Amino acid sequence: MTDPKAFSLGRLAMIAAGLIALSIAGLWAQEARRIDAFVACVLLEGGLYVGALILIRRTAPPRAFALILIAAVVVRIIAAASPVFLSTDIFRYVWDGRVQAAGINPYRYVPNDPALTALRDTAIWPNINRATKAHTIYPPVAQWIYLAAQLGGSNRFAMKTVMLLLETIGIFALYRVLRARGQPRERLLAYVWHPLPIWEIAGSGHIDAALVAFISLALWAWTAGRQSLVGVALAAATLVKFFPLILAPGLWGRASWWRRDFRLPLVMATLIPLAYVPYLGIGLGVFGYLPGYAREEQLGSGSGLWLLDAVHRLMPLSSGSYFAAGGVLIVCLAIRCFASEPTKLFGRIRDLAIAFTFFVSPHYAWYFVWLIPLLTVTSADYLLWPSLASFLLYCAPTPSAAPLWIGFVIYGGTGCAFLISRALGPVFSAADVSRGEKSFNDP
């Protein structure tokens, strides 16, 4: 008789082989400049990924963990060979690091400013997006990462290497969170086989690798009851991209308030302003192109927000009313996180993060990467939908003018997936219960 666990391992190996084959096909599609073929490959990868999740959470065959890690490394090596096709942001990262290495404040000049003529080359400078109008938008910790990458060379390869190292730190932290919560280590597959971080971090070299690292470290520090370290990690994440700040109420929590433990907010309130001190020579210029980016993405007017645009098709609604309603919802969810029981906290933080993402409706797929660590440590079936469907944003003619159908697929599909998940319960969580997921006390 066939051993069921050995059979499951064989099926998992076949899925891994399929992911590798599709990764090679996706690399070919990028080399051929075929965005339609690339998106098709990635969506097929997503289907295999979901199949692997179902398999691993129901059976967890022996030796599966080694297979999971080996396949994760292989697909990242393939993706790392990607040309600059999906995004040109990595050129700005390298340029900002080069400017700092020359002893110049990266917020002071746009890339095409004559003051930076000596730093120009033929590989990086001609390919920087918004080079004539945009001061850098990235906060200080992102800038320090760009500067550190210069140690390996002022090129894309060095930058991708640093991003992969940061992602590795995040993966290890997620592993420690799973072990601390008594969850099977094979559940790490939820992150390492997900197509989004594979292509956006290993492939495009996005700075969101640092978000993965710091958010995962914050979750790990929380499970260990180290509020000061939670504050350090969350401050670092906020200083890469600002939006992880919304996780602070949950990771601090009511128990810390009752114990008068103010380490987390004090650490964050100290570190975030302090990080800007080296750059304050240009005053408010340290926020770079942030206001211009908001205008470019039509966030202030509201026309760049998918949900508001969809509602406008049915009834008039001012952007002010939309922001007010969304703000109330986000605040209520943040209070819910703050007041949460420890065993429910990660799930409620996840819901807050996806609600915020839904509200701002990003125009770029990599803005969904920060959700994947939360998908890994919670049974969040509905979160699979937007994280995989986000690749459809590459089908838009321009980032700020995605067709309405893409928004319906991503965000409307997320709403449907959420309602189905609430009605039927988590599809993938049976193995977690049967294998004895531990509850843990408030740190």
Protein backbone atom coordinates (compact mmCIF):
# COMPACT_ATOMS: atom_id res chain seq x y z
CA MET A 1 0.00 0.00 0.00
CA THR A 2 1.24 3.50 -0.86
CA ASP A 3 2.30 5.60 2.10
CA PRO A 4 -0.09 8.62 2.08
CA LYS A 5 2.58 10.95 3.46
CA ALA A 6 5.13 9.87 0.88
CA PHE A 7 2.49 10.35 -1.80
CA SER A 8 1.81 13.86 -0.48
CA LEU A 9 5.53 14.65 -0.57
CA GLY A 10 5.61 13.51 -4.18
CA ARG A 11 2.70 15.79 -5.05
CA LEU A 12 4.41 18.68 -3.26
CA ALA A 13 7.57 17.99 -5.28
CA MET A 14 5.51 18.09 -8.49
CA ILE A 15 4.05 21.44 -7.48
CA ALA A 16 7.56 22.71 -6.73
CA ALA A 17 8.69 21.57 -10.19
CA GLY A 18 5.71 23.38 -11.71
CA LEU A 19 6.59 26.59 -9.86
CA ILE A 20 10.17 26.39 -11.10
CA ALA A 21 9.03 25.78 -14.68
CA LEU A 22 6.61 28.70 -14.54
CA SER A 23 9.30 30.91 -13.04
CA ILE A 24 11.51 30.15 -16.03
CA ALA A 25 8.57 30.95 -18.32
CA GLY A 26 7.95 34.20 -16.43
CA LEU A 27 11.61 35.13 -16.84
CA TRP A 28 11.35 34.46 -20.58
CA ALA A 29 8.20 36.64 -20.76
CA GLN A 30 10.08 39.53 -19.16
CA GLU A 31 13.04 39.11 -21.49
CA ALA A 32 10.58 39.14 -24.42
CA ARG A 33 8.82 42.23 -22.97
CA ARG A 34 5.53 40.32 -22.90
CA ILE A 35 3.57 41.60 -19.92
CA ASP A 36 0.50 39.55 -20.86
CA ALA A 37 2.51 36.32 -20.91
CA PHE A 38 4.19 37.24 -17.63
CA VAL A 39 0.90 37.91 -15.83
CA ALA A 40 -0.50 34.63 -17.17
CA CYS A 41 2.54 32.74 -15.84
CA VAL A 42 2.26 34.39 -12.44
CA LEU A 43 -1.47 33.66 -12.10
CA LEU A 44 -0.75 30.01 -12.93
CA GLU A 45 1.96 30.09 -10.26
CA GLY A 46 -0.66 31.42 -7.88
CA GLY A 47 -2.90 28.45 -8.62
CA LEU A 48 -0.07 26.02 -7.84
CA TYR A 49 0.77 27.99 -4.71
CA VAL A 50 -2.79 27.68 -3.41
CA GLY A 51 -2.69 23.95 -4.16
CA ALA A 52 0.54 23.64 -2.18
CA LEU A 53 -1.04 25.51 0.75
CA ILE A 54 -3.99 23.13 0.81
CA LEU A 55 -1.66 20.14 0.68
CA ILE A 56 0.80 21.29 3.31
CA ARG A 57 -1.79 22.43 5.83
CA ARG A 58 -3.68 19.14 5.64
CA THR A 59 -0.88 16.59 5.60
CA ALA A 60 2.55 18.15 6.28
CA PRO A 61 4.54 15.14 4.96
CA PRO A 62 8.03 14.41 6.37
CA ARG A 63 10.98 16.14 4.68
CA ALA A 64 8.55 18.71 3.27
CA PHE A 65 10.32 21.60 4.99
CA ALA A 66 13.61 20.94 3.20
CA LEU A 67 11.78 20.74 -0.12
CA ILE A 68 9.98 24.01 0.60
CA LEU A 69 13.25 25.84 1.32
CA ILE A 70 15.12 24.39 -1.66
CA ALA A 71 12.34 25.33 -4.09
CA ALA A 72 12.13 28.82 -2.54
CA VAL A 73 15.84 29.38 -3.17
CA VAL A 74 15.65 28.07 -6.76
CA VAL A 75 12.74 30.28 -7.81
CA ARG A 76 14.44 33.32 -6.28
CA ILE A 77 17.63 32.63 -8.20
CA ILE A 78 15.57 32.47 -11.39
CA ALA A 79 13.65 35.66 -10.57
CA ALA A 80 16.85 37.49 -9.62
CA ALA A 81 17.97 37.18 -13.25
CA SER A 82 15.01 39.35 -14.33
CA PRO A 83 15.73 42.39 -16.49
CA VAL A 84 14.40 45.79 -15.51
CA PHE A 85 10.90 45.36 -16.88
CA LEU A 86 8.19 45.49 -14.24
CA SER A 87 9.57 48.54 -12.42
CA THR A 88 12.47 50.97 -12.69
CA ASP A 89 12.50 51.86 -8.97
CA ILE A 90 15.79 50.02 -8.40
CA PHE A 91 17.61 52.69 -10.42
CA ARG A 92 16.44 55.32 -7.95
CA TYR A 93 17.62 53.14 -5.04
CA VAL A 94 21.11 52.83 -6.52
CA TRP A 95 21.20 56.55 -7.33
CA ASP A 96 20.18 57.60 -3.82
CA GLY A 97 22.89 55.37 -2.39
CA ARG A 98 25.45 56.83 -4.78
CA VAL A 99 24.48 60.40 -3.86
CA GLN A 100 24.88 59.64 -0.15
CA ALA A 101 28.21 57.89 -0.72
CA ALA A 102 29.38 61.16 -2.27
CA GLY A 103 28.47 62.98 0.95
CA ILE A 104 25.40 64.73 -0.49
CA ASN A 105 21.97 64.92 1.14
CA PRO A 106 19.77 62.71 -1.09
CA TYR A 107 16.74 64.95 -0.50
CA ARG A 108 18.49 68.09 -1.78
CA TYR A 109 18.59 67.59 -5.57
CA VAL A 110 16.57 65.91 -8.27
CA PRO A 111 18.69 63.37 -10.23
CA ASN A 112 18.99 65.67 -13.27
CA ASP A 113 20.29 68.62 -11.26
CA PRO A 114 23.61 69.89 -12.67
CA ALA A 115 25.10 69.70 -9.15
CA LEU A 116 25.12 65.89 -9.52
CA THR A 117 26.69 65.78 -12.98
CA ALA A 118 29.84 64.09 -11.66
CA LEU A 119 27.80 61.11 -10.45
CA ARG A 120 26.15 60.33 -13.77
CA ASP A 121 26.82 57.16 -15.73
CA THR A 122 25.23 55.29 -18.63
CA ALA A 123 23.77 52.40 -16.62
CA ILE A 124 21.84 54.03 -13.76
CA TRP A 125 21.28 57.75 -14.25
CA PRO A 126 19.48 57.66 -17.67
CA ASN A 127 16.94 55.15 -16.35
CA ILE A 128 15.78 56.92 -13.18
CA ASN A 129 12.06 57.62 -13.23
CA ARG A 130 10.84 61.19 -12.62
CA ALA A 131 14.48 62.31 -12.79
CA THR A 132 13.66 65.89 -13.81
CA LYS A 133 11.03 66.68 -11.18
CA ALA A 134 11.11 64.31 -8.20
CA HIS A 135 13.32 64.56 -5.14
CA THR A 136 13.60 61.16 -3.51
CA ILE A 137 10.52 60.06 -1.58
CA TYR A 138 12.11 57.35 0.57
CA PRO A 139 12.47 57.85 4.36
CA PRO A 140 15.80 57.58 6.25
CA VAL A 141 16.02 53.84 6.94
CA ALA A 142 15.43 53.13 3.26
CA GLN A 143 18.21 55.63 2.51
CA TRP A 144 20.59 53.85 4.88
CA ILE A 145 19.87 50.57 3.12
CA TYR A 146 20.64 52.15 -0.25
CA LEU A 147 23.89 53.50 1.15
CA ALA A 148 24.84 50.11 2.61
CA ALA A 149 24.30 48.49 -0.80
CA GLN A 150 27.04 50.73 -2.20
CA LEU A 151 29.55 48.57 -0.33
CA GLY A 152 28.87 45.85 -2.90
CA GLY A 153 28.97 48.21 -5.86
CA SER A 154 26.86 50.99 -7.30
CA ASN A 155 24.75 48.67 -9.43
CA ARG A 156 21.52 46.68 -9.57
CA PHE A 157 23.15 43.38 -8.60
CA ALA A 158 24.41 44.75 -5.28
CA MET A 159 21.01 46.28 -4.53
CA LYS A 160 19.14 43.04 -5.27
CA THR A 161 21.59 41.15 -3.07
CA VAL A 162 20.88 43.46 -0.14
CA MET A 163 17.13 43.11 -0.66
CA LEU A 164 17.42 39.31 -0.68
CA LEU A 165 19.46 39.42 2.52
CA LEU A 166 16.79 41.55 4.16
CA GLU A 167 14.10 39.18 2.99
CA THR A 168 16.06 36.26 4.45
CA ILE A 169 16.07 38.01 7.82
CA GLY A 170 12.31 38.41 7.54
CA ILE A 171 11.83 34.74 6.61
CA PHE A 172 13.88 33.64 9.62
CA ALA A 173 11.85 35.92 11.89
CA LEU A 174 8.61 34.46 10.51
CA TYR A 175 9.98 30.98 11.20
CA ARG A 176 10.63 31.97 14.83
CA VAL A 177 7.11 33.40 15.14
CA LEU A 178 5.60 30.16 13.86
CA ARG A 179 7.64 28.12 16.32
CA ALA A 180 6.78 30.45 19.21
CA ARG A 181 3.09 30.06 18.41
CA GLY A 182 3.33 26.27 18.16
CA GLN A 183 2.46 26.30 14.48
CA PRO A 184 4.04 23.84 12.03
CA ARG A 185 7.20 25.15 10.41
CA GLU A 186 5.95 23.99 7.00
CA ARG A 187 3.53 26.88 7.16
CA LEU A 188 6.45 29.06 6.10
CA LEU A 189 5.52 27.97 2.58
CA ALA A 190 2.77 30.62 2.73
CA TYR A 191 5.49 33.24 2.37
CA VAL A 192 8.42 31.63 0.56
CA TRP A 193 6.36 30.17 -2.30
CA HIS A 194 4.11 33.18 -2.76
CA PRO A 195 4.70 34.64 -6.26
CA LEU A 196 4.42 38.26 -5.08
CA PRO A 197 7.60 38.50 -2.95
CA ILE A 198 9.43 36.24 -5.39
CA TRP A 199 8.94 38.60 -8.33
CA GLU A 200 8.79 41.93 -6.51
CA ILE A 201 11.81 41.35 -4.24
CA ALA A 202 14.08 38.85 -6.00
CA GLY A 203 12.89 39.97 -9.43
CA SER A 204 12.52 43.74 -9.17
CA GLY A 205 14.58 44.32 -6.02
CA HIS A 206 11.94 46.41 -4.26
CA ILE A 207 12.62 48.03 -0.90
CA ASP A 208 9.52 46.22 0.41
CA ALA A 209 11.99 43.48 1.38
CA ALA A 210 12.89 45.74 4.30
CA LEU A 211 9.20 45.93 5.28
CA VAL A 212 9.08 42.13 5.33
CA ALA A 213 12.17 42.05 7.53
CA PHE A 214 11.13 44.70 10.03
CA ILE A 215 7.44 43.73 10.30
CA SER A 216 8.42 40.09 10.82
CA LEU A 217 10.98 41.11 13.44
CA ALA A 218 8.30 43.19 15.19
CA LEU A 219 5.97 40.15 15.29
CA TRP A 220 8.79 37.98 16.64
CA ALA A 221 9.70 40.54 19.30
CA TRP A 222 6.04 40.72 20.32
CA THR A 223 5.81 36.96 20.82
CA ALA A 224 8.92 37.22 23.04
CA GLY A 225 7.41 40.05 25.10
CA ARG A 226 10.14 42.52 24.07
CA GLN A 227 8.21 45.75 23.70
CA SER A 228 11.31 47.90 23.22
CA LEU A 229 12.43 45.72 20.31
CA VAL A 230 8.91 45.83 18.86
CA GLY A 231 9.22 49.61 18.91
CA VAL A 232 12.63 49.54 17.22
CA ALA A 233 11.46 47.17 14.47
CA LEU A 234 8.20 49.00 13.87
CA ALA A 235 9.97 52.38 13.79
CA ALA A 236 12.39 50.97 11.21
CA ALA A 237 9.49 49.68 9.09
CA THR A 238 7.79 53.08 9.29
CA LEU A 239 11.02 54.72 8.17
CA VAL A 240 11.07 52.53 5.06
CA LYS A 241 7.49 53.30 4.05
CA PHE A 242 5.16 55.17 6.36
CA PHE A 243 2.09 52.93 6.41
CA PRO A 244 3.32 50.20 8.87
CA LEU A 245 2.76 52.83 11.56
CA ILE A 246 -0.88 51.72 11.69
CA LEU A 247 0.24 48.42 13.26
CA ALA A 248 1.49 50.20 16.38
CA PRO A 249 -1.80 50.25 18.38
CA GLY A 250 -2.18 46.49 18.10
CA LEU A 251 1.42 45.62 18.90
CA TRP A 252 1.33 47.89 21.92
CA GLY A 253 -2.11 46.83 23.17
CA ARG A 254 -4.27 47.33 26.20
CA ALA A 255 -2.23 45.03 28.46
CA SER A 256 0.80 47.28 28.03
CA TRP A 257 -1.37 50.30 28.78
CA TRP A 258 -2.72 48.71 31.96
CA ARG A 259 0.80 47.85 33.10
CA ARG A 260 1.91 51.40 32.27
CA ASP A 261 4.46 49.92 29.87
CA PHE A 262 5.15 52.78 27.48
CA ARG A 263 8.36 51.43 25.98
CA LEU A 264 6.96 50.86 22.49
CA PRO A 265 5.47 54.35 21.90
CA LEU A 266 8.45 56.03 23.58
CA VAL A 267 10.95 54.15 21.43
CA MET A 268 9.04 54.97 18.25
CA ALA A 269 8.50 58.61 19.23
CA THR A 270 12.25 58.92 19.81
CA LEU A 271 13.67 56.98 16.87
CA ILE A 272 11.47 58.27 14.06
CA PRO A 273 12.31 62.01 14.51
CA LEU A 274 15.93 61.16 15.37
CA ALA A 275 16.40 59.35 12.05
CA TYR A 276 15.65 62.58 10.18
CA VAL A 277 18.24 64.66 12.03
CA PRO A 278 21.12 64.05 9.55
CA TYR A 279 18.94 65.35 6.71
CA LEU A 280 17.32 68.41 8.32
CA GLY A 281 19.58 70.85 6.53
CA ILE A 282 16.90 71.21 3.87
CA GLY A 283 13.96 71.53 6.28
CA LEU A 284 10.67 70.07 5.09
CA GLY A 285 12.43 68.92 1.94
CA VAL A 286 13.14 65.68 3.82
CA PHE A 287 9.67 64.53 2.75
CA GLY A 288 10.87 64.71 -0.83
CA TYR A 289 8.36 64.00 -3.56
CA LEU A 290 5.66 62.77 -1.16
CA PRO A 291 3.18 65.62 -1.88
CA GLY A 292 3.88 65.38 -5.60
CA TYR A 293 3.42 61.62 -5.53
CA ALA A 294 0.02 62.03 -3.84
CA ARG A 295 -1.01 64.42 -6.62
CA GLU A 296 0.39 62.17 -9.33
CA GLU A 297 -1.52 59.17 -8.00
CA GLN A 298 -4.65 61.35 -7.66
CA LEU A 299 -5.02 60.49 -4.00
CA GLY A 300 -5.94 63.97 -2.82
CA SER A 301 -8.73 64.37 -5.36
CA GLY A 302 -9.93 60.83 -4.73
CA SER A 303 -10.02 59.87 -8.40
CA GLY A 304 -7.09 57.52 -7.85
CA LEU A 305 -8.96 55.57 -5.16
CA TRP A 306 -10.73 52.59 -6.65
CA LEU A 307 -13.58 52.29 -4.14
CA LEU A 308 -14.42 55.99 -4.36
CA ASP A 309 -14.28 55.83 -8.16
CA ALA A 310 -16.62 52.83 -8.15
CA VAL A 311 -19.10 54.55 -5.82
CA HIS A 312 -19.03 57.61 -8.08
CA ARG A 313 -20.49 55.47 -10.83
CA LEU A 314 -23.59 54.94 -8.69
CA MET A 315 -23.93 58.10 -6.61
CA PRO A 316 -22.10 61.37 -5.91
CA LEU A 317 -19.66 61.16 -3.00
CA SER A 318 -17.09 63.77 -2.11
CA SER A 319 -13.51 62.74 -1.47
CA GLY A 320 -13.80 64.41 1.94
CA SER A 321 -16.68 62.13 2.90
CA TYR A 322 -14.72 59.13 1.66
CA PHE A 323 -11.64 60.02 3.69
CA ALA A 324 -13.77 60.71 6.76
CA ALA A 325 -15.59 57.37 6.52
CA GLY A 326 -12.37 55.51 5.79
CA GLY A 327 -10.59 57.24 8.63
CA VAL A 328 -13.33 56.29 11.08
CA LEU A 329 -13.16 52.66 9.93
CA ILE A 330 -9.36 52.53 10.27
CA VAL A 331 -9.49 54.12 13.72
CA CYS A 332 -12.18 51.65 14.86
CA LEU A 333 -10.13 48.70 13.61
CA ALA A 334 -7.02 50.12 15.32
CA ILE A 335 -8.95 50.41 18.60
CA ARG A 336 -10.15 46.83 18.10
CA CYS A 337 -6.51 45.75 17.74
CA PHE A 338 -5.49 47.74 20.81
CA ALA A 339 -8.22 46.08 22.89
CA SER A 340 -7.63 42.61 21.47
CA GLU A 341 -7.00 39.42 23.40
CA PRO A 342 -3.45 38.17 22.71
CA THR A 343 -4.63 35.02 20.93
CA LYS A 344 -6.67 37.11 18.47
CA LEU A 345 -4.22 39.96 17.97
CA PHE A 346 -2.40 38.87 14.80
CA GLY A 347 -5.67 38.18 13.03
CA ARG A 348 -7.01 41.60 13.94
CA ILE A 349 -3.79 43.31 12.84
CA ARG A 350 -4.13 41.45 9.55
CA ASP A 351 -7.69 42.75 9.12
CA LEU A 352 -6.54 46.30 9.86
CA ALA A 353 -3.72 46.04 7.32
CA ILE A 354 -5.96 44.71 4.54
CA ALA A 355 -8.65 47.32 5.31
CA PHE A 356 -6.04 50.09 5.02
CA THR A 357 -4.75 48.63 1.76
CA PHE A 358 -8.31 48.34 0.44
CA PHE A 359 -9.00 51.96 1.40
CA VAL A 360 -5.96 53.44 -0.38
CA SER A 361 -6.19 50.94 -3.32
CA PRO A 362 -2.54 50.93 -4.43
CA HIS A 363 -1.73 51.17 -8.12
CA TYR A 364 1.33 48.94 -7.85
CA ALA A 365 1.50 45.22 -7.07
CA TRP A 366 4.46 45.51 -4.69
CA TYR A 367 2.38 47.55 -2.24
CA PHE A 368 0.71 44.25 -1.29
CA VAL A 369 3.98 42.55 -0.27
CA TRP A 370 3.79 43.78 3.33
CA LEU A 371 0.61 41.73 3.81
CA ILE A 372 2.30 38.36 3.13
CA PRO A 373 4.01 38.01 6.56
CA LEU A 374 0.57 38.50 8.16
CA LEU A 375 -0.88 35.88 5.80
CA THR A 376 1.85 33.47 6.93
CA VAL A 377 1.16 33.66 10.68
CA THR A 378 -2.65 33.72 10.51
CA SER A 379 -5.34 31.67 8.76
CA ALA A 380 -6.27 34.39 6.30
CA ASP A 381 -7.76 32.66 3.30
CA TYR A 382 -9.35 35.84 1.93
CA LEU A 383 -5.97 37.57 1.89
CA LEU A 384 -4.80 35.16 -0.80
CA TRP A 385 -7.06 36.85 -3.33
CA PRO A 386 -5.72 40.43 -3.40
CA SER A 387 -2.11 39.35 -2.94
CA LEU A 388 -2.30 37.15 -6.06
CA ALA A 389 -4.72 39.26 -8.12
CA SER A 390 -2.52 42.34 -7.58
CA PHE A 391 -0.44 41.25 -10.59
CA LEU A 392 -3.35 42.37 -12.77
CA LEU A 393 -2.28 45.94 -12.05
CA TYR A 394 0.52 45.37 -14.56
CA CYS A 395 -2.18 45.11 -17.24
CA ALA A 396 -3.18 48.75 -16.75
CA PRO A 397 -2.09 51.14 -19.52
CA THR A 398 -0.77 53.54 -16.86
CA PRO A 399 -0.45 52.94 -13.09
CA SER A 400 -2.85 55.73 -12.11
CA ALA A 401 -5.46 54.80 -14.71
CA ALA A 402 -6.20 51.13 -14.09
CA PRO A 403 -9.44 50.01 -15.78
CA LEU A 404 -12.35 49.64 -13.41
CA TRP A 405 -12.54 45.89 -14.05
CA ILE A 406 -9.09 45.38 -12.50
CA GLY A 407 -10.28 47.07 -9.33
CA PHE A 408 -13.43 44.95 -9.30
CA VAL A 409 -11.37 41.78 -9.63
CA ILE A 410 -8.88 42.76 -6.92
CA TYR A 411 -11.03 44.58 -4.38
CA GLY A 412 -14.47 43.25 -5.23
CA GLY A 413 -12.98 39.76 -5.22
CA THR A 414 -11.40 40.46 -1.84
CA GLY A 415 -14.79 41.45 -0.41
CA CYS A 416 -16.38 38.27 -1.75
CA ALA A 417 -13.49 36.15 -0.44
CA PHE A 418 -13.85 37.80 2.98
CA LEU A 419 -17.58 37.06 3.17
CA ILE A 420 -17.06 33.46 2.05
CA SER A 421 -14.27 33.04 4.59
CA ARG A 422 -16.54 34.37 7.35
CA ALA A 423 -19.38 32.10 6.29
CA LEU A 424 -17.40 28.88 5.81
CA GLY A 425 -14.49 29.41 8.17
CA PRO A 426 -10.80 29.10 7.28
CA VAL A 427 -10.27 26.42 4.66
CA PHE A 428 -6.63 25.84 5.48
CA SER A 429 -6.64 25.87 9.29
CA ALA A 430 -7.65 22.28 10.07
CA ALA A 431 -4.04 21.12 10.26
CA ASP A 432 -3.18 23.96 12.64
CA VAL A 433 -5.80 22.78 15.11
CA SER A 434 -5.04 19.08 14.76
CA ARG A 435 -1.33 19.66 15.28
CA GLY A 436 -1.95 21.53 18.48
CA GLU A 437 -1.44 25.25 17.88
CA LYS A 438 -0.61 26.74 21.27
CA SER A 439 -2.21 29.77 22.75
CA PHE A 440 0.23 32.19 24.32
CA ASN A 441 -0.03 34.75 27.05
CA ASP A 442 0.21 38.48 26.60
CA PRO A 443 3.93 39.35 26.76
